[in-house]
Amino acid sequence: MKTKHTTGKWIHNECESGPDGCIFHDIRAQRKGFSITVATARGTNQEANAERIVACVNACEGINPEAVPEMLKALQNIENDSGTIPPAIWAMRNAAIAKATGQE
């Protein structure tokens, strides 16, 4: 990935100027009484959009986001025709695919 993003755990909160769905980062700064706005979600569904952005950033901490589609495709291509994959591992694979594709 060629660009850098704001590191640290991001949190979602309302903007001081109004409910614009601001996205903050660094929960430690928030506890000290200040915050750093790194993005703002506006318009229809702004709160849900802001929460989704924060969730994605936090979930991908330490993962190259460009690799995520390839990881999902790799999971989807794993076959268990012979039944040699333990049931608990196969269930984890299926649950991860369902969650990633919104089918859970």
Foldseek 3Di string as FASTA:
>chain_A
DPDDADDAQKDWDADPVGRQGFIWGDVVVVVVPDTDTDDTAHDPPRNVVSVVVNVVRVVCVVHDVVCVVVVLVVLVPDDCVVVPPDPVVVVVSVVVNCVVVVND
